[in-house]
Structures are given as C-alpha cells and as structure tokens.
N, C-alpha and C. Protein backbone atom coordinates (compact mmCIF):
# COMPACT_ATOMS: atom_id res chain seq x y z
N MET A 1 1.47 -19.31 -8.46
CA MET A 1 0.90 -18.45 -9.47
C MET A 1 -0.40 -17.87 -8.93
N PRO A 2 -0.60 -16.56 -9.00
CA PRO A 2 -1.84 -15.97 -8.49
C PRO A 2 -3.04 -16.45 -9.28
N ALA A 3 -4.19 -16.48 -8.62
CA ALA A 3 -5.41 -16.96 -9.27
C ALA A 3 -5.73 -16.15 -10.52
N ALA A 4 -5.49 -14.85 -10.48
CA ALA A 4 -5.84 -14.01 -11.62
C ALA A 4 -5.03 -14.35 -12.86
N ALA A 5 -3.88 -14.99 -12.68
CA ALA A 5 -3.04 -15.33 -13.83
C ALA A 5 -3.24 -16.77 -14.28
N ASP A 6 -4.10 -17.50 -13.60
CA ASP A 6 -4.30 -18.91 -13.89
C ASP A 6 -5.45 -19.09 -14.88
N SER A 7 -5.12 -19.24 -16.15
CA SER A 7 -6.15 -19.36 -17.18
C SER A 7 -6.83 -20.72 -17.18
N SER A 8 -6.38 -21.64 -16.33
CA SER A 8 -7.00 -22.96 -16.28
C SER A 8 -8.20 -22.99 -15.33
N ARG A 9 -8.54 -21.89 -14.70
CA ARG A 9 -9.67 -21.88 -13.77
C ARG A 9 -10.95 -22.24 -14.49
N ASN A 10 -11.78 -23.01 -13.82
CA ASN A 10 -13.09 -23.32 -14.38
C ASN A 10 -14.12 -22.39 -13.75
N PRO A 11 -15.34 -22.35 -14.28
CA PRO A 11 -16.33 -21.40 -13.76
C PRO A 11 -16.61 -21.56 -12.27
N ALA A 12 -16.50 -22.77 -11.76
CA ALA A 12 -16.79 -23.00 -10.35
C ALA A 12 -15.85 -22.24 -9.43
N ASN A 13 -14.63 -22.01 -9.88
CA ASN A 13 -13.69 -21.27 -9.02
C ASN A 13 -13.12 -20.05 -9.72
N ALA A 14 -13.83 -19.54 -10.71
CA ALA A 14 -13.34 -18.39 -11.47
C ALA A 14 -13.92 -17.06 -10.99
N VAL A 15 -14.77 -17.07 -9.97
CA VAL A 15 -15.30 -15.81 -9.47
C VAL A 15 -14.13 -14.89 -9.16
N PRO A 16 -14.16 -13.68 -9.68
CA PRO A 16 -13.03 -12.77 -9.45
C PRO A 16 -12.66 -12.68 -7.97
N THR A 17 -11.35 -12.69 -7.73
CA THR A 17 -10.85 -12.66 -6.36
C THR A 17 -10.52 -11.26 -5.88
N ASP A 18 -10.39 -10.32 -6.80
CA ASP A 18 -10.20 -8.92 -6.44
C ASP A 18 -10.70 -8.06 -7.59
N LYS A 19 -10.74 -6.76 -7.36
CA LYS A 19 -11.37 -5.87 -8.34
C LYS A 19 -10.62 -5.78 -9.66
N HIS A 20 -9.38 -6.28 -9.69
CA HIS A 20 -8.59 -6.26 -10.92
C HIS A 20 -8.50 -7.64 -11.58
N ASP A 21 -9.22 -8.62 -11.07
CA ASP A 21 -9.16 -9.99 -11.60
C ASP A 21 -10.00 -10.10 -12.87
N LEU A 22 -9.52 -9.45 -13.91
CA LEU A 22 -10.25 -9.45 -15.18
C LEU A 22 -10.28 -10.83 -15.81
N LEU A 23 -9.24 -11.63 -15.61
CA LEU A 23 -9.24 -12.98 -16.16
C LEU A 23 -10.39 -13.79 -15.57
N GLY A 24 -10.57 -13.71 -14.26
CA GLY A 24 -11.69 -14.41 -13.63
C GLY A 24 -13.02 -13.97 -14.21
N ALA A 25 -13.18 -12.66 -14.38
CA ALA A 25 -14.42 -12.13 -14.95
C ALA A 25 -14.61 -12.62 -16.38
N GLU A 26 -13.54 -12.65 -17.15
CA GLU A 26 -13.63 -13.11 -18.54
C GLU A 26 -13.96 -14.59 -18.62
N ILE A 27 -13.42 -15.39 -17.70
CA ILE A 27 -13.74 -16.82 -17.67
C ILE A 27 -15.22 -17.01 -17.37
N ILE A 28 -15.74 -16.23 -16.42
CA ILE A 28 -17.16 -16.29 -16.09
C ILE A 28 -18.00 -15.97 -17.32
N VAL A 29 -17.68 -14.88 -17.99
CA VAL A 29 -18.43 -14.46 -19.17
C VAL A 29 -18.35 -15.52 -20.27
N ALA A 30 -17.15 -16.05 -20.50
CA ALA A 30 -16.97 -17.06 -21.54
C ALA A 30 -17.71 -18.36 -21.20
N SER A 31 -17.84 -18.66 -19.92
CA SER A 31 -18.54 -19.88 -19.50
C SER A 31 -20.03 -19.77 -19.78
N GLY A 32 -20.56 -18.57 -19.68
CA GLY A 32 -21.97 -18.34 -19.97
C GLY A 32 -22.92 -18.81 -18.88
N TYR A 33 -24.16 -18.46 -19.10
CA TYR A 33 -25.23 -18.90 -18.22
C TYR A 33 -25.96 -20.03 -18.94
N PRO A 34 -26.28 -21.11 -18.29
CA PRO A 34 -26.41 -21.36 -16.86
C PRO A 34 -25.18 -21.97 -16.18
N ALA A 35 -24.06 -22.09 -16.88
CA ALA A 35 -22.87 -22.71 -16.27
C ALA A 35 -22.45 -22.01 -14.98
N VAL A 36 -22.72 -20.72 -14.87
CA VAL A 36 -22.27 -19.96 -13.70
C VAL A 36 -23.41 -19.69 -12.72
N HIS A 37 -24.52 -20.40 -12.86
CA HIS A 37 -25.69 -20.16 -12.01
C HIS A 37 -25.33 -20.15 -10.52
N ALA A 38 -24.56 -21.10 -10.07
CA ALA A 38 -24.22 -21.19 -8.64
C ALA A 38 -23.38 -20.00 -8.17
N GLN A 39 -22.72 -19.33 -9.08
CA GLN A 39 -21.86 -18.20 -8.72
C GLN A 39 -22.58 -16.86 -8.75
N LEU A 40 -23.84 -16.82 -9.13
CA LEU A 40 -24.54 -15.54 -9.30
C LEU A 40 -24.49 -14.65 -8.06
N PRO A 41 -24.76 -15.16 -6.85
CA PRO A 41 -24.69 -14.26 -5.69
C PRO A 41 -23.30 -13.61 -5.53
N ALA A 42 -22.26 -14.39 -5.72
CA ALA A 42 -20.91 -13.84 -5.60
C ALA A 42 -20.60 -12.85 -6.72
N LEU A 43 -21.11 -13.10 -7.90
CA LEU A 43 -20.88 -12.19 -9.02
C LEU A 43 -21.61 -10.87 -8.82
N LEU A 44 -22.79 -10.93 -8.27
CA LEU A 44 -23.56 -9.70 -8.04
C LEU A 44 -22.91 -8.80 -7.00
N VAL A 45 -22.11 -9.36 -6.12
CA VAL A 45 -21.39 -8.54 -5.14
C VAL A 45 -20.51 -7.51 -5.85
N TRP A 46 -20.00 -7.88 -7.02
CA TRP A 46 -19.13 -6.96 -7.76
C TRP A 46 -19.88 -5.75 -8.28
N MET A 47 -21.20 -5.76 -8.24
CA MET A 47 -21.98 -4.60 -8.67
C MET A 47 -22.07 -3.54 -7.57
N GLN A 48 -21.48 -3.81 -6.41
CA GLN A 48 -21.51 -2.82 -5.33
C GLN A 48 -20.76 -1.55 -5.70
N ASP A 49 -19.77 -1.67 -6.56
CA ASP A 49 -19.03 -0.49 -7.02
C ASP A 49 -18.77 -0.65 -8.51
N ILE A 50 -19.51 0.07 -9.30
CA ILE A 50 -19.41 -0.08 -10.76
C ILE A 50 -18.07 0.43 -11.28
N ASN A 51 -17.32 1.12 -10.48
CA ASN A 51 -16.00 1.60 -10.90
C ASN A 51 -14.93 0.51 -10.82
N TRP A 52 -15.22 -0.60 -10.16
CA TRP A 52 -14.27 -1.70 -10.13
C TRP A 52 -14.15 -2.27 -11.54
N PRO A 53 -12.95 -2.53 -12.01
CA PRO A 53 -12.78 -3.06 -13.38
C PRO A 53 -13.60 -4.32 -13.65
N VAL A 54 -13.66 -5.24 -12.70
CA VAL A 54 -14.44 -6.47 -12.95
C VAL A 54 -15.93 -6.18 -13.08
N ALA A 55 -16.41 -5.15 -12.40
CA ALA A 55 -17.83 -4.81 -12.51
C ALA A 55 -18.19 -4.42 -13.93
N ARG A 56 -17.30 -3.71 -14.59
CA ARG A 56 -17.55 -3.27 -15.97
C ARG A 56 -17.58 -4.44 -16.94
N VAL A 57 -16.83 -5.51 -16.63
CA VAL A 57 -16.85 -6.71 -17.47
C VAL A 57 -18.10 -7.54 -17.18
N LEU A 58 -18.45 -7.66 -15.91
CA LEU A 58 -19.56 -8.52 -15.52
C LEU A 58 -20.94 -7.92 -15.77
N ALA A 59 -21.08 -6.61 -15.70
CA ALA A 59 -22.41 -5.99 -15.79
C ALA A 59 -23.17 -6.37 -17.06
N PRO A 60 -22.59 -6.24 -18.25
CA PRO A 60 -23.37 -6.61 -19.45
C PRO A 60 -23.72 -8.10 -19.48
N PHE A 61 -22.81 -8.93 -19.00
CA PHE A 61 -23.07 -10.37 -18.94
C PHE A 61 -24.24 -10.66 -18.01
N LEU A 62 -24.21 -10.09 -16.81
CA LEU A 62 -25.27 -10.32 -15.84
C LEU A 62 -26.61 -9.80 -16.35
N ALA A 63 -26.60 -8.62 -16.96
CA ALA A 63 -27.84 -8.07 -17.51
C ALA A 63 -28.42 -9.01 -18.56
N GLY A 64 -27.56 -9.63 -19.33
CA GLY A 64 -28.00 -10.55 -20.37
C GLY A 64 -28.66 -11.81 -19.85
N ILE A 65 -28.42 -12.14 -18.60
CA ILE A 65 -29.07 -13.32 -18.00
C ILE A 65 -30.56 -13.07 -17.83
N GLY A 66 -30.92 -11.85 -17.51
CA GLY A 66 -32.32 -11.48 -17.42
C GLY A 66 -33.07 -12.03 -16.23
N ALA A 67 -34.28 -12.52 -16.46
CA ALA A 67 -35.20 -12.93 -15.40
C ALA A 67 -34.63 -13.96 -14.42
N PRO A 68 -33.75 -14.88 -14.82
CA PRO A 68 -33.20 -15.81 -13.83
C PRO A 68 -32.43 -15.12 -12.69
N LEU A 69 -32.07 -13.86 -12.87
CA LEU A 69 -31.41 -13.11 -11.80
C LEU A 69 -32.39 -12.55 -10.77
N ALA A 70 -33.67 -12.61 -11.05
CA ALA A 70 -34.66 -11.88 -10.27
C ALA A 70 -34.61 -12.13 -8.77
N ASP A 71 -34.52 -13.37 -8.34
CA ASP A 71 -34.50 -13.64 -6.89
C ASP A 71 -33.30 -12.98 -6.23
N HIS A 72 -32.16 -13.05 -6.88
CA HIS A 72 -30.95 -12.43 -6.32
C HIS A 72 -31.08 -10.91 -6.31
N VAL A 73 -31.64 -10.36 -7.37
CA VAL A 73 -31.82 -8.90 -7.46
C VAL A 73 -32.82 -8.43 -6.41
N ARG A 74 -33.89 -9.19 -6.18
CA ARG A 74 -34.86 -8.81 -5.15
C ARG A 74 -34.18 -8.68 -3.79
N THR A 75 -33.27 -9.58 -3.49
CA THR A 75 -32.53 -9.51 -2.23
C THR A 75 -31.74 -8.21 -2.14
N ILE A 76 -31.08 -7.84 -3.22
CA ILE A 76 -30.30 -6.60 -3.23
C ILE A 76 -31.22 -5.39 -3.10
N LEU A 77 -32.33 -5.39 -3.82
CA LEU A 77 -33.25 -4.25 -3.77
C LEU A 77 -33.88 -4.09 -2.39
N ALA A 78 -33.94 -5.16 -1.62
CA ALA A 78 -34.48 -5.09 -0.25
C ALA A 78 -33.40 -4.80 0.78
N SER A 79 -32.16 -4.70 0.35
CA SER A 79 -31.06 -4.47 1.28
C SER A 79 -31.03 -3.00 1.71
N ASP A 80 -30.15 -2.71 2.64
CA ASP A 80 -30.00 -1.32 3.08
C ASP A 80 -28.75 -0.69 2.47
N ASP A 81 -28.44 -1.09 1.24
CA ASP A 81 -27.28 -0.55 0.52
C ASP A 81 -27.79 0.17 -0.73
N PRO A 82 -28.09 1.46 -0.62
CA PRO A 82 -28.68 2.16 -1.76
C PRO A 82 -27.74 2.32 -2.95
N ILE A 83 -26.46 2.32 -2.72
CA ILE A 83 -25.52 2.43 -3.85
C ILE A 83 -25.52 1.14 -4.65
N TRP A 84 -25.50 0.00 -3.96
CA TRP A 84 -25.58 -1.30 -4.64
C TRP A 84 -26.91 -1.40 -5.39
N THR A 85 -27.99 -0.98 -4.73
CA THR A 85 -29.30 -0.98 -5.37
C THR A 85 -29.28 -0.13 -6.64
N TYR A 86 -28.72 1.07 -6.54
CA TYR A 86 -28.66 1.96 -7.70
C TYR A 86 -27.89 1.30 -8.84
N ASN A 87 -26.72 0.74 -8.53
CA ASN A 87 -25.90 0.11 -9.56
C ASN A 87 -26.63 -1.05 -10.23
N VAL A 88 -27.30 -1.87 -9.44
CA VAL A 88 -28.04 -3.00 -10.00
C VAL A 88 -29.18 -2.50 -10.90
N LEU A 89 -29.86 -1.45 -10.46
CA LEU A 89 -30.91 -0.88 -11.31
C LEU A 89 -30.33 -0.29 -12.58
N ALA A 90 -29.27 0.49 -12.44
CA ALA A 90 -28.71 1.22 -13.58
C ALA A 90 -28.05 0.32 -14.61
N TYR A 91 -27.37 -0.74 -14.15
CA TYR A 91 -26.56 -1.54 -15.07
C TYR A 91 -27.14 -2.90 -15.40
N LEU A 92 -28.08 -3.39 -14.59
CA LEU A 92 -28.67 -4.71 -14.86
C LEU A 92 -30.15 -4.60 -15.20
N VAL A 93 -30.93 -4.06 -14.28
CA VAL A 93 -32.38 -4.03 -14.46
C VAL A 93 -32.77 -3.15 -15.64
N SER A 94 -32.17 -1.98 -15.76
CA SER A 94 -32.54 -1.08 -16.86
C SER A 94 -32.11 -1.63 -18.22
N ALA A 95 -31.17 -2.55 -18.22
CA ALA A 95 -30.67 -3.14 -19.46
C ALA A 95 -31.39 -4.42 -19.85
N SER A 96 -32.33 -4.86 -19.03
CA SER A 96 -33.00 -6.13 -19.28
C SER A 96 -34.50 -6.02 -18.99
N ALA A 97 -35.30 -5.89 -20.03
CA ALA A 97 -36.75 -5.82 -19.83
C ALA A 97 -37.30 -7.05 -19.11
N PRO A 98 -36.84 -8.28 -19.43
CA PRO A 98 -37.35 -9.43 -18.69
C PRO A 98 -37.04 -9.36 -17.19
N LEU A 99 -35.85 -8.88 -16.85
CA LEU A 99 -35.50 -8.73 -15.43
C LEU A 99 -36.34 -7.63 -14.80
N ALA A 100 -36.50 -6.52 -15.49
CA ALA A 100 -37.31 -5.41 -14.96
C ALA A 100 -38.74 -5.87 -14.70
N MET A 101 -39.31 -6.64 -15.62
CA MET A 101 -40.67 -7.14 -15.42
C MET A 101 -40.73 -8.07 -14.21
N ALA A 102 -39.69 -8.87 -14.02
CA ALA A 102 -39.68 -9.83 -12.92
C ALA A 102 -39.57 -9.15 -11.56
N VAL A 103 -39.00 -7.95 -11.51
CA VAL A 103 -38.85 -7.25 -10.23
C VAL A 103 -39.74 -6.00 -10.18
N GLU A 104 -40.76 -5.96 -11.01
CA GLU A 104 -41.64 -4.79 -11.07
C GLU A 104 -42.23 -4.40 -9.72
N PRO A 105 -42.70 -5.34 -8.89
CA PRO A 105 -43.22 -4.92 -7.58
C PRO A 105 -42.16 -4.20 -6.73
N GLN A 106 -40.93 -4.65 -6.80
CA GLN A 106 -39.87 -4.00 -6.04
C GLN A 106 -39.56 -2.62 -6.63
N LEU A 107 -39.61 -2.50 -7.95
CA LEU A 107 -39.42 -1.19 -8.58
C LEU A 107 -40.51 -0.22 -8.14
N THR A 108 -41.74 -0.72 -8.08
CA THR A 108 -42.86 0.11 -7.66
C THR A 108 -42.66 0.60 -6.23
N ARG A 109 -42.21 -0.28 -5.36
CA ARG A 109 -41.94 0.12 -3.97
C ARG A 109 -40.83 1.16 -3.91
N LEU A 110 -39.75 0.94 -4.66
CA LEU A 110 -38.64 1.89 -4.65
C LEU A 110 -39.07 3.25 -5.20
N ALA A 111 -39.93 3.25 -6.20
CA ALA A 111 -40.40 4.49 -6.80
C ALA A 111 -41.36 5.25 -5.88
N ALA A 112 -42.22 4.51 -5.19
CA ALA A 112 -43.28 5.15 -4.40
C ALA A 112 -42.95 5.34 -2.93
N GLN A 113 -42.15 4.44 -2.38
CA GLN A 113 -41.87 4.48 -0.94
C GLN A 113 -40.39 4.26 -0.66
N PRO A 114 -39.53 5.09 -1.22
CA PRO A 114 -38.10 4.90 -0.99
C PRO A 114 -37.71 5.34 0.42
N SER A 115 -36.65 4.75 0.92
CA SER A 115 -36.07 5.24 2.17
C SER A 115 -35.37 6.57 1.88
N GLN A 116 -35.00 7.28 2.92
CA GLN A 116 -34.27 8.53 2.71
C GLN A 116 -32.95 8.26 1.99
N ALA A 117 -32.27 7.19 2.37
CA ALA A 117 -30.99 6.85 1.73
C ALA A 117 -31.19 6.54 0.25
N GLU A 118 -32.28 5.84 -0.08
CA GLU A 118 -32.58 5.54 -1.49
C GLU A 118 -32.88 6.83 -2.25
N ARG A 119 -33.60 7.75 -1.62
CA ARG A 119 -33.86 9.05 -2.26
C ARG A 119 -32.56 9.81 -2.48
N ASP A 120 -31.70 9.80 -1.46
CA ASP A 120 -30.43 10.52 -1.55
C ASP A 120 -29.57 10.03 -2.71
N GLU A 121 -29.66 8.74 -3.04
CA GLU A 121 -28.87 8.15 -4.13
C GLU A 121 -29.58 8.19 -5.48
N GLY A 122 -30.82 8.66 -5.50
CA GLY A 122 -31.56 8.73 -6.76
C GLY A 122 -32.19 7.42 -7.18
N VAL A 123 -32.28 6.47 -6.25
CA VAL A 123 -32.86 5.16 -6.55
C VAL A 123 -34.32 5.30 -6.96
N ASP A 124 -35.06 6.16 -6.28
CA ASP A 124 -36.48 6.32 -6.59
C ASP A 124 -36.69 6.86 -8.01
N GLU A 125 -35.88 7.84 -8.40
CA GLU A 125 -36.01 8.39 -9.75
C GLU A 125 -35.66 7.35 -10.82
N LEU A 126 -34.61 6.59 -10.56
CA LEU A 126 -34.22 5.55 -11.52
C LEU A 126 -35.29 4.47 -11.62
N ALA A 127 -35.87 4.08 -10.48
CA ALA A 127 -36.95 3.09 -10.50
C ALA A 127 -38.14 3.61 -11.31
N ARG A 128 -38.47 4.89 -11.16
CA ARG A 128 -39.57 5.47 -11.94
C ARG A 128 -39.25 5.46 -13.44
N GLN A 129 -38.02 5.75 -13.78
CA GLN A 129 -37.62 5.72 -15.20
C GLN A 129 -37.76 4.32 -15.79
N ILE A 130 -37.32 3.32 -15.03
CA ILE A 130 -37.42 1.94 -15.51
C ILE A 130 -38.89 1.54 -15.66
N LEU A 131 -39.72 1.91 -14.67
CA LEU A 131 -41.15 1.60 -14.76
C LEU A 131 -41.79 2.29 -15.96
N ALA A 132 -41.40 3.52 -16.23
CA ALA A 132 -41.94 4.24 -17.39
C ALA A 132 -41.55 3.55 -18.69
N THR A 133 -40.33 3.08 -18.76
CA THR A 133 -39.87 2.35 -19.95
C THR A 133 -40.66 1.07 -20.13
N LEU A 134 -40.88 0.35 -19.02
CA LEU A 134 -41.70 -0.87 -19.10
C LEU A 134 -43.10 -0.55 -19.59
N SER A 135 -43.68 0.49 -19.04
CA SER A 135 -45.04 0.87 -19.40
C SER A 135 -45.14 1.24 -20.88
N ALA A 136 -44.13 1.91 -21.39
CA ALA A 136 -44.14 2.34 -22.79
C ALA A 136 -44.03 1.16 -23.76
N HIS A 137 -43.49 0.05 -23.29
CA HIS A 137 -43.29 -1.11 -24.16
C HIS A 137 -44.40 -2.15 -24.02
N ARG A 138 -45.45 -1.82 -23.33
CA ARG A 138 -46.56 -2.77 -23.17
C ARG A 138 -47.64 -2.51 -24.15
C-alpha cells in the first residue's frame, strides 16, 4: 500500500512523500504543533513551490506555528533560492506577526540589500510590505 494511502501513519513518518500526498499533509496538520516539531525542516521544503497541492495544505498550518519557525525561516531567507524565500515570506511570514517580528533583521536586509535574484523575484518589495505592516501595528 502506498504511503499516501496509509491513514495509520503517525506524525513522525507522515511528512508528505510527494506533491500529491495530501493525506500526509493532513496527518501533519491534524497532529498539530509541537507534535511535528522535528519535521519542520522537511515540511518547509514543500514551500519551495506553492503550486504543489501539499504546499497549499501546509502553508496555513506552518504560518500558524509562528515564532517557533524563526530559526528554520532564517535559514531559508539566507539561502540562494529567491523563489523559496518569496513563498516563505508571502505565505508564512506575512501571515504571522510573531514570525515576522522574529525575523525582522532578515526582512530588513532583504528590503535594503537584496541580491539581484531577490530583486528579480520581488522579494525586496514583499519584505518592505511586511516591515510596513509590522510598523503600522506597533
């Protein structure tokens, strides 16, 4: 039986195995945080392409975790993958004020000193928007 069809999976081995593994994503969401803490790096990989079906299931859940995601998000924001960075900003950081506050120095860097690739993807503009939203709520 394929993993995606196995409803007995527990959170430890429920990380989606492919972009259509909605059952795995649903098990993760149903398990909640902090039960899936150890799986966070693997779950964030699914944010590399927001068009993947599992990304659409996981994004609101991950955003809801908030500040505990900060260390993992900092790693992504420092990576050389501007599309992943954009997706994480657009679907996680912008949806969570506690997470945005926790990564504010990285947002400031992206807004003020983006790489050319980050500029090309609109990462700098999105970072400025998130910073403006944070500023308005202080």
